[in-house]
Amino acid sequence: SQLSRSLDYIEANLLNNVRLHDLASVAGL
């Protein structure tokens, strides 16, 4: 579930500056 949410977030934000903090928040880590 964490991986799926993270990859979905990356795909949805690929044109933006993807931030490590935001990715970690999506996964709850």
PDB file of all heavy atoms in Angstrom:
ATOM      1  N   SER A   1       0.825  -1.204   0.000  1.00  0.00           N
ATOM      2  CA  SER A   1       0.000   0.000   0.000  1.00  0.00           C
ATOM      3  C   SER A   1       0.866   1.263   0.000  1.00  0.00           C
ATOM      4  O   SER A   1       0.593   2.213  -0.744  1.00  0.00           O
ATOM      5  CB  SER A   1      -0.916  -0.014   1.230  1.00  0.00           C
ATOM      6  OG  SER A   1      -1.586   1.200   1.360  1.00  0.00           O
ATOM      7  N   GLN A   2       1.903   1.295   0.826  1.00  0.00           N
ATOM      8  CA  GLN A   2       2.798   2.454   0.869  1.00  0.00           C
ATOM      9  C   GLN A   2       3.488   2.665  -0.474  1.00  0.00           C
ATOM     10  O   GLN A   2       3.599   3.789  -0.963  1.00  0.00           O
ATOM     11  CB  GLN A   2       3.859   2.280   1.956  1.00  0.00           C
ATOM     12  CG  GLN A   2       3.346   2.414   3.371  1.00  0.00           C
ATOM     13  CD  GLN A   2       4.398   2.018   4.392  1.00  0.00           C
ATOM     14  OE1 GLN A   2       5.150   1.049   4.207  1.00  0.00           O
ATOM     15  NE2 GLN A   2       4.455   2.777   5.480  1.00  0.00           N
ATOM     16  N   LEU A   3       3.951   1.565  -1.064  1.00  0.00           N
ATOM     17  CA  LEU A   3       4.635   1.665  -2.356  1.00  0.00           C
ATOM     18  C   LEU A   3       3.668   2.160  -3.426  1.00  0.00           C
ATOM     19  O   LEU A   3       4.002   3.047  -4.207  1.00  0.00           O
ATOM     20  CB  LEU A   3       5.244   0.317  -2.748  1.00  0.00           C
ATOM     21  CG  LEU A   3       6.016   0.310  -4.070  1.00  0.00           C
ATOM     22  CD1 LEU A   3       7.179   1.293  -4.037  1.00  0.00           C
ATOM     23  CD2 LEU A   3       6.521  -1.095  -4.369  1.00  0.00           C
ATOM     24  N   SER A   4       2.472   1.618  -3.448  1.00  0.00           N
ATOM     25  CA  SER A   4       1.475   2.019  -4.435  1.00  0.00           C
ATOM     26  C   SER A   4       1.130   3.501  -4.297  1.00  0.00           C
ATOM     27  O   SER A   4       1.098   4.242  -5.292  1.00  0.00           O
ATOM     28  CB  SER A   4       0.220   1.166  -4.271  1.00  0.00           C
ATOM     29  OG  SER A   4      -0.778   1.594  -5.162  1.00  0.00           O
ATOM     30  N   ARG A   5       0.895   3.965  -3.078  1.00  0.00           N
ATOM     31  CA  ARG A   5       0.592   5.383  -2.849  1.00  0.00           C
ATOM     32  C   ARG A   5       1.770   6.272  -3.259  1.00  0.00           C
ATOM     33  O   ARG A   5       1.575   7.326  -3.862  1.00  0.00           O
ATOM     34  CB  ARG A   5       0.228   5.632  -1.383  1.00  0.00           C
ATOM     35  CG  ARG A   5      -1.145   5.112  -0.993  1.00  0.00           C
ATOM     36  CD  ARG A   5      -1.612   5.634   0.378  1.00  0.00           C
ATOM     37  NE  ARG A   5      -0.620   5.630   1.421  1.00  0.00           N
ATOM     38  CZ  ARG A   5      -0.440   4.657   2.316  1.00  0.00           C
ATOM     39  NH1 ARG A   5      -1.181   3.574   2.265  1.00  0.00           N
ATOM     40  NH2 ARG A   5       0.488   4.778   3.244  1.00  0.00           N
ATOM     41  N   SER A   6       2.981   5.822  -2.950  1.00  0.00           N
ATOM     42  CA  SER A   6       4.173   6.607  -3.287  1.00  0.00           C
ATOM     43  C   SER A   6       4.354   6.717  -4.795  1.00  0.00           C
ATOM     44  O   SER A   6       4.628   7.797  -5.328  1.00  0.00           O
ATOM     45  CB  SER A   6       5.423   5.978  -2.669  1.00  0.00           C
ATOM     46  OG  SER A   6       5.317   5.939  -1.268  1.00  0.00           O
ATOM     47  N   LEU A   7       4.201   5.601  -5.492  1.00  0.00           N
ATOM     48  CA  LEU A   7       4.370   5.612  -6.954  1.00  0.00           C
ATOM     49  C   LEU A   7       3.262   6.417  -7.622  1.00  0.00           C
ATOM     50  O   LEU A   7       3.513   7.138  -8.594  1.00  0.00           O
ATOM     51  CB  LEU A   7       4.411   4.187  -7.496  1.00  0.00           C
ATOM     52  CG  LEU A   7       5.594   3.339  -7.015  1.00  0.00           C
ATOM     53  CD1 LEU A   7       5.526   1.942  -7.630  1.00  0.00           C
ATOM     54  CD2 LEU A   7       6.924   4.006  -7.313  1.00  0.00           C
ATOM     55  N   ASP A   8       2.043   6.327  -7.094  1.00  0.00           N
ATOM     56  CA  ASP A   8       0.939   7.136  -7.621  1.00  0.00           C
ATOM     57  C   ASP A   8       1.221   8.621  -7.420  1.00  0.00           C
ATOM     58  O   ASP A   8       0.974   9.440  -8.314  1.00  0.00           O
ATOM     59  CB  ASP A   8      -0.388   6.764  -6.938  1.00  0.00           C
ATOM     60  CG  ASP A   8      -0.920   5.411  -7.375  1.00  0.00           C
ATOM     61  OD1 ASP A   8      -0.418   4.850  -8.373  1.00  0.00           O
ATOM     62  OD2 ASP A   8      -1.833   4.896  -6.688  1.00  0.00           O
ATOM     63  N   TYR A   9       1.752   8.969  -6.252  1.00  0.00           N
ATOM     64  CA  TYR A   9       2.083  10.365  -5.967  1.00  0.00           C
ATOM     65  C   TYR A   9       3.165  10.862  -6.935  1.00  0.00           C
ATOM     66  O   TYR A   9       3.062  11.965  -7.473  1.00  0.00           O
ATOM     67  CB  TYR A   9       2.555  10.527  -4.518  1.00  0.00           C
ATOM     68  CG  TYR A   9       2.911  11.953  -4.172  1.00  0.00           C
ATOM     69  CD1 TYR A   9       1.940  12.835  -3.726  1.00  0.00           C
ATOM     70  CD2 TYR A   9       4.214  12.419  -4.317  1.00  0.00           C
ATOM     71  CE1 TYR A   9       2.254  14.162  -3.431  1.00  0.00           C
ATOM     72  CE2 TYR A   9       4.538  13.735  -4.026  1.00  0.00           C
ATOM     73  CZ  TYR A   9       3.559  14.594  -3.588  1.00  0.00           C
ATOM     74  OH  TYR A   9       3.877  15.911  -3.311  1.00  0.00           O
ATOM     75  N   ILE A  10       4.181  10.048  -7.147  1.00  0.00           N
ATOM     76  CA  ILE A  10       5.254  10.441  -8.072  1.00  0.00           C
ATOM     77  C   ILE A  10       4.677  10.656  -9.466  1.00  0.00           C
ATOM     78  O   ILE A  10       4.958  11.662 -10.113  1.00  0.00           O
ATOM     79  CB  ILE A  10       6.380   9.382  -8.096  1.00  0.00           C
ATOM     80  CG1 ILE A  10       7.159   9.415  -6.776  1.00  0.00           C
ATOM     81  CG2 ILE A  10       7.318   9.613  -9.285  1.00  0.00           C
ATOM     82  CD1 ILE A  10       8.133   8.265  -6.598  1.00  0.00           C
ATOM     83  N   GLU A  11       3.879   9.719  -9.940  1.00  0.00           N
ATOM     84  CA  GLU A  11       3.297   9.835 -11.282  1.00  0.00           C
ATOM     85  C   GLU A  11       2.437  11.089 -11.410  1.00  0.00           C
ATOM     86  O   GLU A  11       2.515  11.809 -12.401  1.00  0.00           O
ATOM     87  CB  GLU A  11       2.471   8.589 -11.607  1.00  0.00           C
ATOM     88  CG  GLU A  11       1.929   8.559 -13.010  1.00  0.00           C
ATOM     89  CD  GLU A  11       2.982   8.572 -14.107  1.00  0.00           C
ATOM     90  OE1 GLU A  11       4.094   8.033 -13.899  1.00  0.00           O
ATOM     91  OE2 GLU A  11       2.705   9.143 -15.182  1.00  0.00           O
ATOM     92  N   ALA A  12       1.634  11.373 -10.397  1.00  0.00           N
ATOM     93  CA  ALA A  12       0.748  12.543 -10.429  1.00  0.00           C
ATOM     94  C   ALA A  12       1.524  13.859 -10.353  1.00  0.00           C
ATOM     95  O   ALA A  12       1.031  14.895 -10.802  1.00  0.00           O
ATOM     96  CB  ALA A  12      -0.258  12.468  -9.286  1.00  0.00           C
ATOM     97  N   ASN A  13       2.716  13.823  -9.780  1.00  0.00           N
ATOM     98  CA  ASN A  13       3.503  15.044  -9.573  1.00  0.00           C
ATOM     99  C   ASN A  13       4.808  15.055 -10.344  1.00  0.00           C
ATOM    100  O   ASN A  13       5.717  15.810 -10.007  1.00  0.00           O
ATOM    101  CB  ASN A  13       3.777  15.221  -8.072  1.00  0.00           C
ATOM    102  CG  ASN A  13       2.505  15.509  -7.313  1.00  0.00           C
ATOM    103  OD1 ASN A  13       2.006  16.619  -7.348  1.00  0.00           O
ATOM    104  ND2 ASN A  13       1.971  14.491  -6.664  1.00  0.00           N
ATOM    105  N   LEU A  14       4.903  14.242 -11.367  1.00  0.00           N
ATOM    106  CA  LEU A  14       6.160  14.095 -12.095  1.00  0.00           C
ATOM    107  C   LEU A  14       6.656  15.403 -12.698  1.00  0.00           C
ATOM    108  O   LEU A  14       7.859  15.623 -12.800  1.00  0.00           O
ATOM    109  CB  LEU A  14       5.995  13.035 -13.198  1.00  0.00           C
ATOM    110  CG  LEU A  14       7.249  12.407 -13.743  1.00  0.00           C
ATOM    111  CD1 LEU A  14       8.081  11.759 -12.635  1.00  0.00           C
ATOM    112  CD2 LEU A  14       6.915  11.375 -14.800  1.00  0.00           C
ATOM    113  N   LEU A  15       5.752  16.289 -13.061  1.00  0.00           N
ATOM    114  CA  LEU A  15       6.159  17.562 -13.658  1.00  0.00           C
ATOM    115  C   LEU A  15       6.516  18.609 -12.616  1.00  0.00           C
ATOM    116  O   LEU A  15       7.033  19.668 -12.942  1.00  0.00           O
ATOM    117  CB  LEU A  15       5.047  18.102 -14.562  1.00  0.00           C
ATOM    118  CG  LEU A  15       4.676  17.198 -15.734  1.00  0.00           C
ATOM    119  CD1 LEU A  15       3.583  17.846 -16.566  1.00  0.00           C
ATOM    120  CD2 LEU A  15       5.879  16.862 -16.585  1.00  0.00           C
ATOM    121  N   ASN A  16       6.227  18.318 -11.365  1.00  0.00           N
ATOM    122  CA  ASN A  16       6.521  19.244 -10.268  1.00  0.00           C
ATOM    123  C   ASN A  16       7.795  18.820  -9.555  1.00  0.00           C
ATOM    124  O   ASN A  16       8.365  17.775  -9.839  1.00  0.00           O
ATOM    125  CB  ASN A  16       5.361  19.246  -9.259  1.00  0.00           C
ATOM    126  CG  ASN A  16       4.047  19.592  -9.921  1.00  0.00           C
ATOM    127  OD1 ASN A  16       3.992  20.471 -10.770  1.00  0.00           O
ATOM    128  ND2 ASN A  16       3.004  18.879  -9.547  1.00  0.00           N
ATOM    129  N   ASN A  17       8.205  19.628  -8.595  1.00  0.00           N
ATOM    130  CA  ASN A  17       9.331  19.257  -7.752  1.00  0.00           C
ATOM    131  C   ASN A  17       8.845  18.270  -6.696  1.00  0.00           C
ATOM    132  O   ASN A  17       8.189  18.656  -5.739  1.00  0.00           O
ATOM    133  CB  ASN A  17       9.941  20.484  -7.064  1.00  0.00           C
ATOM    134  CG  ASN A  17      10.788  21.288  -8.008  1.00  0.00           C
ATOM    135  OD1 ASN A  17      11.326  20.762  -8.976  1.00  0.00           O
ATOM    136  ND2 ASN A  17      10.912  22.564  -7.755  1.00  0.00           N
ATOM    137  N   VAL A  18       9.124  16.998  -6.893  1.00  0.00           N
ATOM    138  CA  VAL A  18       8.761  15.979  -5.919  1.00  0.00           C
ATOM    139  C   VAL A  18       9.723  16.121  -4.750  1.00  0.00           C
ATOM    140  O   VAL A  18      10.938  16.129  -4.935  1.00  0.00           O
ATOM    141  CB  VAL A  18       8.850  14.566  -6.546  1.00  0.00           C
ATOM    142  CG1 VAL A  18       8.548  13.504  -5.522  1.00  0.00           C
ATOM    143  CG2 VAL A  18       7.909  14.466  -7.737  1.00  0.00           C
ATOM    144  N   ARG A  19       9.179  16.245  -3.539  1.00  0.00           N
ATOM    145  CA  ARG A  19       9.996  16.451  -2.349  1.00  0.00           C
ATOM    146  C   ARG A  19      10.025  15.178  -1.516  1.00  0.00           C
ATOM    147  O   ARG A  19       9.015  14.471  -1.398  1.00  0.00           O
ATOM    148  CB  ARG A  19       9.441  17.594  -1.500  1.00  0.00           C
ATOM    149  CG  ARG A  19       9.180  18.923  -2.231  1.00  0.00           C
ATOM    150  CD  ARG A  19      10.424  19.566  -2.788  1.00  0.00           C
ATOM    151  NE  ARG A  19      11.361  19.928  -1.773  1.00  0.00           N
ATOM    152  CZ  ARG A  19      11.811  21.146  -1.556  1.00  0.00           C
ATOM    153  NH1 ARG A  19      11.402  22.143  -2.299  1.00  0.00           N
ATOM    154  NH2 ARG A  19      12.697  21.370  -0.612  1.00  0.00           N
ATOM    155  N   LEU A  20      11.156  14.890  -0.923  1.00  0.00           N
ATOM    156  CA  LEU A  20      11.310  13.701  -0.091  1.00  0.00           C
ATOM    157  C   LEU A  20      10.332  13.728   1.083  1.00  0.00           C
ATOM    158  O   LEU A  20       9.706  12.716   1.398  1.00  0.00           O
ATOM    159  CB  LEU A  20      12.756  13.586   0.409  1.00  0.00           C
ATOM    160  CG  LEU A  20      13.086  12.334   1.213  1.00  0.00           C
ATOM    161  CD1 LEU A  20      12.855  11.070   0.388  1.00  0.00           C
ATOM    162  CD2 LEU A  20      14.532  12.385   1.694  1.00  0.00           C
ATOM    163  N   HIS A  21      10.180  14.885   1.708  1.00  0.00           N
ATOM    164  CA  HIS A  21       9.265  15.009   2.843  1.00  0.00           C
ATOM    165  C   HIS A  21       7.825  14.667   2.426  1.00  0.00           C
ATOM    166  O   HIS A  21       7.100  13.991   3.152  1.00  0.00           O
ATOM    167  CB  HIS A  21       9.348  16.417   3.426  1.00  0.00           C
ATOM    168  CG  HIS A  21       8.384  16.684   4.532  1.00  0.00           C
ATOM    169  ND1 HIS A  21       8.171  15.805   5.565  1.00  0.00           N
ATOM    170  CD2 HIS A  21       7.539  17.719   4.757  1.00  0.00           C
ATOM    171  CE1 HIS A  21       7.253  16.292   6.383  1.00  0.00           C
ATOM    172  NE2 HIS A  21       6.853  17.446   5.907  1.00  0.00           N
ATOM    173  N   ASP A  22       7.417  15.120   1.247  1.00  0.00           N
ATOM    174  CA  ASP A  22       6.058  14.836   0.767  1.00  0.00           C
ATOM    175  C   ASP A  22       5.877  13.350   0.484  1.00  0.00           C
ATOM    176  O   ASP A  22       4.844  12.767   0.815  1.00  0.00           O
ATOM    177  CB  ASP A  22       5.750  15.657  -0.482  1.00  0.00           C
ATOM    178  CG  ASP A  22       5.750  17.151  -0.203  1.00  0.00           C
ATOM    179  OD1 ASP A  22       5.505  17.548   0.956  1.00  0.00           O
ATOM    180  OD2 ASP A  22       5.995  17.921  -1.153  1.00  0.00           O
ATOM    181  N   LEU A  23       6.867  12.733  -0.127  1.00  0.00           N
ATOM    182  CA  LEU A  23       6.793  11.288  -0.384  1.00  0.00           C
ATOM    183  C   LEU A  23       6.707  10.509   0.923  1.00  0.00           C
ATOM    184  O   LEU A  23       5.923   9.566   1.043  1.00  0.00           O
ATOM    185  CB  LEU A  23       8.022  10.826  -1.176  1.00  0.00           C
ATOM    186  CG  LEU A  23       7.988  11.059  -2.673  1.00  0.00           C
ATOM    187  CD1 LEU A  23       9.359  10.779  -3.282  1.00  0.00           C
ATOM    188  CD2 LEU A  23       6.927  10.206  -3.330  1.00  0.00           C
ATOM    189  N   ALA A  24       7.521  10.902   1.889  1.00  0.00           N
ATOM    190  CA  ALA A  24       7.517  10.227   3.180  1.00  0.00           C
ATOM    191  C   ALA A  24       6.155  10.383   3.856  1.00  0.00           C
ATOM    192  O   ALA A  24       5.637   9.427   4.453  1.00  0.00           O
ATOM    193  CB  ALA A  24       8.625  10.785   4.073  1.00  0.00           C
ATOM    194  N   SER A  25       5.557  11.558   3.741  1.00  0.00           N
ATOM    195  CA  SER A  25       4.232  11.790   4.327  1.00  0.00           C
ATOM    196  C   SER A  25       3.178  10.902   3.685  1.00  0.00           C
ATOM    197  O   SER A  25       2.304  10.368   4.371  1.00  0.00           O
ATOM    198  CB  SER A  25       3.821  13.253   4.162  1.00  0.00           C
ATOM    199  OG  SER A  25       4.635  14.074   4.944  1.00  0.00           O
ATOM    200  N   VAL A  26       3.259  10.728   2.388  1.00  0.00           N
ATOM    201  CA  VAL A  26       2.313   9.860   1.677  1.00  0.00           C
ATOM    202  C   VAL A  26       2.395   8.431   2.224  1.00  0.00           C
ATOM    203  O   VAL A  26       1.385   7.752   2.373  1.00  0.00           O
ATOM    204  CB  VAL A  26       2.601   9.883   0.153  1.00  0.00           C
ATOM    205  CG1 VAL A  26       1.888   8.772  -0.572  1.00  0.00           C
ATOM    206  CG2 VAL A  26       2.221  11.236  -0.431  1.00  0.00           C
ATOM    207  N   ALA A  27       3.609   8.000   2.548  1.00  0.00           N
ATOM    208  CA  ALA A  27       3.810   6.642   3.072  1.00  0.00           C
ATOM    209  C   ALA A  27       3.654   6.576   4.590  1.00  0.00           C
ATOM    210  O   ALA A  27       3.631   5.486   5.157  1.00  0.00           O
ATOM    211  CB  ALA A  27       5.198   6.135   2.676  1.00  0.00           C
ATOM    212  N   GLY A  28       3.584   7.729   5.256  1.00  0.00           N
ATOM    213  CA  GLY A  28       3.456   7.746   6.710  1.00  0.00           C
ATOM    214  C   GLY A  28       4.740   7.385   7.432  1.00  0.00           C
ATOM    215  O   GLY A  28       4.712   6.776   8.502  1.00  0.00           O
ATOM    216  N   LEU A  29       5.882   7.777   6.850  1.00  0.00           N
ATOM    217  CA  LEU A  29       7.188   7.461   7.440  1.00  0.00           C
ATOM    218  C   LEU A  29       8.028   8.727   7.557  1.00  0.00           C
ATOM    219  O   LEU A  29       7.724   9.744   6.938  1.00  0.00           O
ATOM    220  CB  LEU A  29       7.933   6.450   6.552  1.00  0.00           C
ATOM    221  CG  LEU A  29       7.283   5.090   6.329  1.00  0.00           C
ATOM    222  CD1 LEU A  29       8.037   4.311   5.260  1.00  0.00           C
ATOM    223  CD2 LEU A  29       7.219   4.307   7.622  1.00  0.00           C
TER     224      LEU A  29
END
